[in-house]
Amino acid sequence: MADAQPEPLAALDNAGTLLQSVSSSQKVEKISILPGHEPDYSACTFCLNHEDHTLGNALRWVIMKDPDVEFCGYSAPHPSEAKIHLRIQMYDNLSAVDCLRKALKNLKDLLNAVDEKYSDSLKNDAYIREEDFDVKAEVQRSLREKGFGDDEMDTSA
């Protein structure tokens, strides 16, 4: 008997909603397609809940590397809302949904590669060490050099 494959934590369903499991029984809408998309999904605006400029700008950068993308941009509708809107428009009636899937995978791969390289450099001690720098002492030294006395400097901090 074949081993049952575990259900993925996140999957984009046919309606265009990415459901992310937050517990064993509850699913929360993570990504949805906003109204006004092209019938063939070649141009869509996605709403990414619980995300901000960190993911928005990184995704936009990865998506714009794809030569099949005509336009990509994102916005945060309101500073007090934890969501971003990501617009993708494709050339030749290609799928913006597939483009987003590919971009998420590519971004994950990129971040994993950076993490691996960073971890390796820490393990191998392959990085430059800097001595701690006492900013306060340097400012006081510089002010004394310019003729300011201790009575003219705020040294309480």
C-alpha atoms as a PDB file:
ATOM      1  CA  MET A   1       0.000   0.000   0.000  1.00  0.00           C
ATOM      2  CA  ALA A   2       1.410   3.392  -1.007  1.00  0.00           C
ATOM      3  CA  ASP A   3       2.088   5.955   1.682  1.00  0.00           C
ATOM      4  CA  ALA A   4      -0.491   8.741   1.742  1.00  0.00           C
ATOM      5  CA  GLN A   5       0.982  12.094   0.744  1.00  0.00           C
ATOM      6  CA  PRO A   6       0.486  14.856   3.334  1.00  0.00           C
ATOM      7  CA  GLU A   7      -1.892  17.632   2.350  1.00  0.00           C
ATOM      8  CA  PRO A   8       0.033  20.766   1.370  1.00  0.00           C
ATOM      9  CA  LEU A   9      -0.074  23.642   3.836  1.00  0.00           C
ATOM     10  CA  ALA A  10      -1.090  26.038   1.097  1.00  0.00           C
ATOM     11  CA  ALA A  11      -2.651  25.537  -2.327  1.00  0.00           C
ATOM     12  CA  LEU A  12      -4.182  27.901  -4.863  1.00  0.00           C
ATOM     13  CA  ASP A  13      -7.641  26.574  -5.626  1.00  0.00           C
ATOM     14  CA  ASN A  14      -9.585  27.062  -8.883  1.00  0.00           C
ATOM     15  CA  ALA A  15     -11.345  30.153  -7.588  1.00  0.00           C
ATOM     16  CA  GLY A  16      -8.011  31.846  -7.082  1.00  0.00           C
ATOM     17  CA  THR A  17      -7.821  31.737  -3.300  1.00  0.00           C
ATOM     18  CA  LEU A  18      -4.720  30.596  -1.480  1.00  0.00           C
ATOM     19  CA  LEU A  19      -5.793  28.894   1.698  1.00  0.00           C
ATOM     20  CA  GLN A  20      -3.241  28.642   4.445  1.00  0.00           C
ATOM     21  CA  SER A  21      -3.731  26.294   7.357  1.00  0.00           C
ATOM     22  CA  VAL A  22      -3.334  28.006  10.724  1.00  0.00           C
ATOM     23  CA  SER A  23      -4.512  25.026  12.716  1.00  0.00           C
ATOM     24  CA  SER A  24      -5.581  21.496  11.979  1.00  0.00           C
ATOM     25  CA  SER A  25      -9.185  22.507  11.318  1.00  0.00           C
ATOM     26  CA  GLN A  26      -9.186  26.198  10.398  1.00  0.00           C
ATOM     27  CA  LYS A  27      -8.206  27.780   7.076  1.00  0.00           C
ATOM     28  CA  VAL A  28      -7.659  31.483   6.482  1.00  0.00           C
ATOM     29  CA  GLU A  29      -7.792  33.269   3.136  1.00  0.00           C
ATOM     30  CA  LYS A  30      -4.184  34.293   2.390  1.00  0.00           C
ATOM     31  CA  ILE A  31      -4.317  35.306  -1.287  1.00  0.00           C
ATOM     32  CA  SER A  32      -7.397  36.149  -3.305  1.00  0.00           C
ATOM     33  CA  ILE A  33      -8.041  37.610  -6.746  1.00  0.00           C
ATOM     34  CA  LEU A  34      -9.874  40.917  -6.590  1.00  0.00           C
ATOM     35  CA  PRO A  35     -12.808  41.686  -8.907  1.00  0.00           C
ATOM     36  CA  GLY A  36     -11.945  43.166 -12.300  1.00  0.00           C
ATOM     37  CA  HIS A  37      -9.533  40.508 -13.516  1.00  0.00           C
ATOM     38  CA  GLU A  38      -9.422  39.508 -17.174  1.00  0.00           C
ATOM     39  CA  PRO A  39     -11.574  36.453 -18.007  1.00  0.00           C
ATOM     40  CA  ASP A  40      -8.438  34.513 -19.024  1.00  0.00           C
ATOM     41  CA  TYR A  41      -6.585  35.647 -15.845  1.00  0.00           C
ATOM     42  CA  SER A  42      -3.905  37.367 -17.937  1.00  0.00           C
ATOM     43  CA  ALA A  43      -4.303  40.482 -15.772  1.00  0.00           C
ATOM     44  CA  CYS A  44      -5.210  40.173 -12.096  1.00  0.00           C
ATOM     45  CA  THR A  45      -4.952  42.106  -8.880  1.00  0.00           C
ATOM     46  CA  PHE A  46      -4.228  39.828  -5.949  1.00  0.00           C
ATOM     47  CA  CYS A  47      -4.915  40.683  -2.317  1.00  0.00           C
ATOM     48  CA  LEU A  48      -2.232  39.256  -0.005  1.00  0.00           C
ATOM     49  CA  ASN A  49      -3.517  39.318   3.571  1.00  0.00           C
ATOM     50  CA  HIS A  50      -1.199  39.747   6.547  1.00  0.00           C
ATOM     51  CA  GLU A  51       1.642  41.010   4.326  1.00  0.00           C
ATOM     52  CA  ASP A  52       3.392  44.339   3.848  1.00  0.00           C
ATOM     53  CA  HIS A  53       6.064  46.072   1.764  1.00  0.00           C
ATOM     54  CA  THR A  54       8.657  43.440   2.694  1.00  0.00           C
ATOM     55  CA  LEU A  55       6.984  40.758   0.601  1.00  0.00           C
ATOM     56  CA  GLY A  56       5.381  43.195  -1.848  1.00  0.00           C
ATOM     57  CA  ASN A  57       8.617  44.729  -3.075  1.00  0.00           C
ATOM     58  CA  ALA A  58      10.476  41.396  -3.170  1.00  0.00           C
ATOM     59  CA  LEU A  59       7.671  39.755  -5.185  1.00  0.00           C
ATOM     60  CA  ARG A  60       7.441  42.713  -7.559  1.00  0.00           C
ATOM     61  CA  TRP A  61      11.202  42.480  -8.163  1.00  0.00           C
ATOM     62  CA  VAL A  62      11.081  38.724  -8.869  1.00  0.00           C
ATOM     63  CA  ILE A  63       7.984  39.023 -11.087  1.00  0.00           C
ATOM     64  CA  MET A  64       9.494  41.824 -13.189  1.00  0.00           C
ATOM     65  CA  LYS A  65      12.456  39.534 -14.015  1.00  0.00           C
ATOM     66  CA  ASP A  66      10.005  37.422 -16.069  1.00  0.00           C
ATOM     67  CA  PRO A  67      10.083  38.612 -19.725  1.00  0.00           C
ATOM     68  CA  ASP A  68       6.438  37.549 -20.169  1.00  0.00           C
ATOM     69  CA  VAL A  69       5.277  40.162 -17.626  1.00  0.00           C
ATOM     70  CA  GLU A  70       3.964  43.402 -19.090  1.00  0.00           C
ATOM     71  CA  PHE A  71       3.359  45.144 -15.738  1.00  0.00           C
ATOM     72  CA  CYS A  72       3.679  44.410 -12.044  1.00  0.00           C
ATOM     73  CA  GLY A  73       3.123  46.750  -9.134  1.00  0.00           C
ATOM     74  CA  TYR A  74       1.851  46.618  -5.602  1.00  0.00           C
ATOM     75  CA  SER A  75       0.316  48.961  -3.063  1.00  0.00           C
ATOM     76  CA  ALA A  76      -0.695  48.913   0.566  1.00  0.00           C
ATOM     77  CA  PRO A  77      -4.320  50.123   0.480  1.00  0.00           C
ATOM     78  CA  HIS A  78      -4.136  51.618   3.985  1.00  0.00           C
ATOM     79  CA  PRO A  79      -1.370  51.721   6.610  1.00  0.00           C
ATOM     80  CA  SER A  80      -3.632  50.252   9.293  1.00  0.00           C
ATOM     81  CA  GLU A  81      -4.601  47.240   7.155  1.00  0.00           C
ATOM     82  CA  ALA A  82      -2.203  44.301   7.073  1.00  0.00           C
ATOM     83  CA  LYS A  83      -2.569  43.553   3.373  1.00  0.00           C
ATOM     84  CA  ILE A  84      -1.157  44.487   0.000  1.00  0.00           C
ATOM     85  CA  HIS A  85      -2.603  44.509  -3.502  1.00  0.00           C
ATOM     86  CA  LEU A  86      -0.345  43.041  -6.194  1.00  0.00           C
ATOM     87  CA  ARG A  87      -1.208  43.712  -9.862  1.00  0.00           C
ATOM     88  CA  ILE A  88       0.222  41.442 -12.571  1.00  0.00           C
ATOM     89  CA  GLN A  89      -0.416  41.897 -16.313  1.00  0.00           C
ATOM     90  CA  MET A  90       0.995  39.347 -18.742  1.00  0.00           C
ATOM     91  CA  TYR A  91       1.829  39.453 -22.452  1.00  0.00           C
ATOM     92  CA  ASP A  92       0.212  37.002 -24.900  1.00  0.00           C
ATOM     93  CA  ASN A  93      -2.732  36.104 -22.621  1.00  0.00           C
ATOM     94  CA  LEU A  94      -0.487  34.100 -20.289  1.00  0.00           C
ATOM     95  CA  SER A  95      -1.754  33.390 -16.762  1.00  0.00           C
ATOM     96  CA  ALA A  96      -0.999  35.919 -14.020  1.00  0.00           C
ATOM     97  CA  VAL A  97      -1.944  33.214 -11.496  1.00  0.00           C
ATOM     98  CA  ASP A  98       0.778  30.914 -12.850  1.00  0.00           C
ATOM     99  CA  CYS A  99       3.203  33.846 -12.829  1.00  0.00           C
ATOM    100  CA  LEU A 100       2.480  34.486  -9.137  1.00  0.00           C
ATOM    101  CA  ARG A 101       2.931  30.797  -8.325  1.00  0.00           C
ATOM    102  CA  LYS A 102       6.278  30.765 -10.140  1.00  0.00           C
ATOM    103  CA  ALA A 103       7.391  34.012  -8.470  1.00  0.00           C
ATOM    104  CA  LEU A 104       6.573  32.699  -4.998  1.00  0.00           C
ATOM    105  CA  LYS A 105       8.581  29.544  -5.706  1.00  0.00           C
ATOM    106  CA  ASN A 106      11.499  31.527  -7.171  1.00  0.00           C
ATOM    107  CA  LEU A 107      11.536  33.921  -4.212  1.00  0.00           C
ATOM    108  CA  LYS A 108      11.494  31.005  -1.772  1.00  0.00           C
ATOM    109  CA  ASP A 109      14.384  29.352  -3.658  1.00  0.00           C
ATOM    110  CA  LEU A 110      16.347  32.622  -3.648  1.00  0.00           C
ATOM    111  CA  LEU A 111      15.852  33.139   0.084  1.00  0.00           C
ATOM    112  CA  ASN A 112      16.819  29.530   0.810  1.00  0.00           C
ATOM    113  CA  ALA A 113      20.028  29.989  -1.210  1.00  0.00           C
ATOM    114  CA  VAL A 114      20.886  33.201   0.655  1.00  0.00           C
ATOM    115  CA  ASP A 115      20.173  31.506   3.992  1.00  0.00           C
ATOM    116  CA  GLU A 116      22.375  28.549   3.044  1.00  0.00           C
ATOM    117  CA  LYS A 117      25.285  30.780   1.962  1.00  0.00           C
ATOM    118  CA  TYR A 118      24.957  32.904   5.103  1.00  0.00           C
ATOM    119  CA  SER A 119      24.851  29.839   7.372  1.00  0.00           C
ATOM    120  CA  ASP A 120      27.877  28.360   5.591  1.00  0.00           C
ATOM    121  CA  SER A 121      29.875  31.565   6.036  1.00  0.00           C
ATOM    122  CA  LEU A 122      29.076  31.556   9.758  1.00  0.00           C
ATOM    123  CA  LYS A 123      30.066  27.889  10.119  1.00  0.00           C
ATOM    124  CA  ASN A 124      33.319  28.408   8.205  1.00  0.00           C
ATOM    125  CA  ASP A 125      34.130  31.663   9.994  1.00  0.00           C
ATOM    126  CA  ALA A 126      34.311  33.283   6.540  1.00  0.00           C
ATOM    127  CA  TYR A 127      33.323  36.823   7.358  1.00  0.00           C
ATOM    128  CA  ILE A 128      34.952  40.075   8.394  1.00  0.00           C
ATOM    129  CA  ARG A 129      34.898  40.910  12.073  1.00  0.00           C
ATOM    130  CA  GLU A 130      34.638  44.525  13.162  1.00  0.00           C
ATOM    131  CA  GLU A 131      35.635  45.798  16.574  1.00  0.00           C
ATOM    132  CA  ASP A 132      32.838  47.331  18.631  1.00  0.00           C
ATOM    133  CA  PHE A 133      32.718  51.076  18.118  1.00  0.00           C
ATOM    134  CA  ASP A 134      31.868  53.384  21.033  1.00  0.00           C
ATOM    135  CA  VAL A 135      29.955  56.162  19.280  1.00  0.00           C
ATOM    136  CA  LYS A 136      29.437  58.211  22.456  1.00  0.00           C
ATOM    137  CA  ALA A 137      33.167  58.227  23.284  1.00  0.00           C
ATOM    138  CA  GLU A 138      34.048  59.174  19.699  1.00  0.00           C
ATOM    139  CA  VAL A 139      31.575  62.095  19.701  1.00  0.00           C
ATOM    140  CA  GLN A 140      32.949  63.361  23.017  1.00  0.00           C
ATOM    141  CA  ARG A 141      36.544  63.056  21.726  1.00  0.00           C
ATOM    142  CA  SER A 142      35.599  64.943  18.567  1.00  0.00           C
ATOM    143  CA  LEU A 143      33.852  67.729  20.504  1.00  0.00           C
ATOM    144  CA  ARG A 144      36.834  68.123  22.864  1.00  0.00           C
ATOM    145  CA  GLU A 145      39.081  68.317  19.805  1.00  0.00           C
ATOM    146  CA  LYS A 146      36.931  71.193  18.535  1.00  0.00           C
ATOM    147  CA  GLY A 147      37.269  73.080  21.807  1.00  0.00           C
ATOM    148  CA  PHE A 148      34.141  72.080  23.699  1.00  0.00           C
ATOM    149  CA  GLY A 149      34.659  71.363  27.393  1.00  0.00           C
ATOM    150  CA  ASP A 150      32.908  68.745  29.534  1.00  0.00           C
ATOM    151  CA  ASP A 151      30.698  71.484  31.015  1.00  0.00           C
ATOM    152  CA  GLU A 152      29.330  72.231  27.506  1.00  0.00           C
ATOM    153  CA  MET A 153      28.567  68.597  26.624  1.00  0.00           C
ATOM    154  CA  ASP A 154      25.616  66.542  27.733  1.00  0.00           C
ATOM    155  CA  THR A 155      27.324  63.456  29.133  1.00  0.00           C
ATOM    156  CA  SER A 156      24.274  62.153  31.011  1.00  0.00           C
ATOM    157  CA  ALA A 157      23.250  59.626  28.374  1.00  0.00           C
END
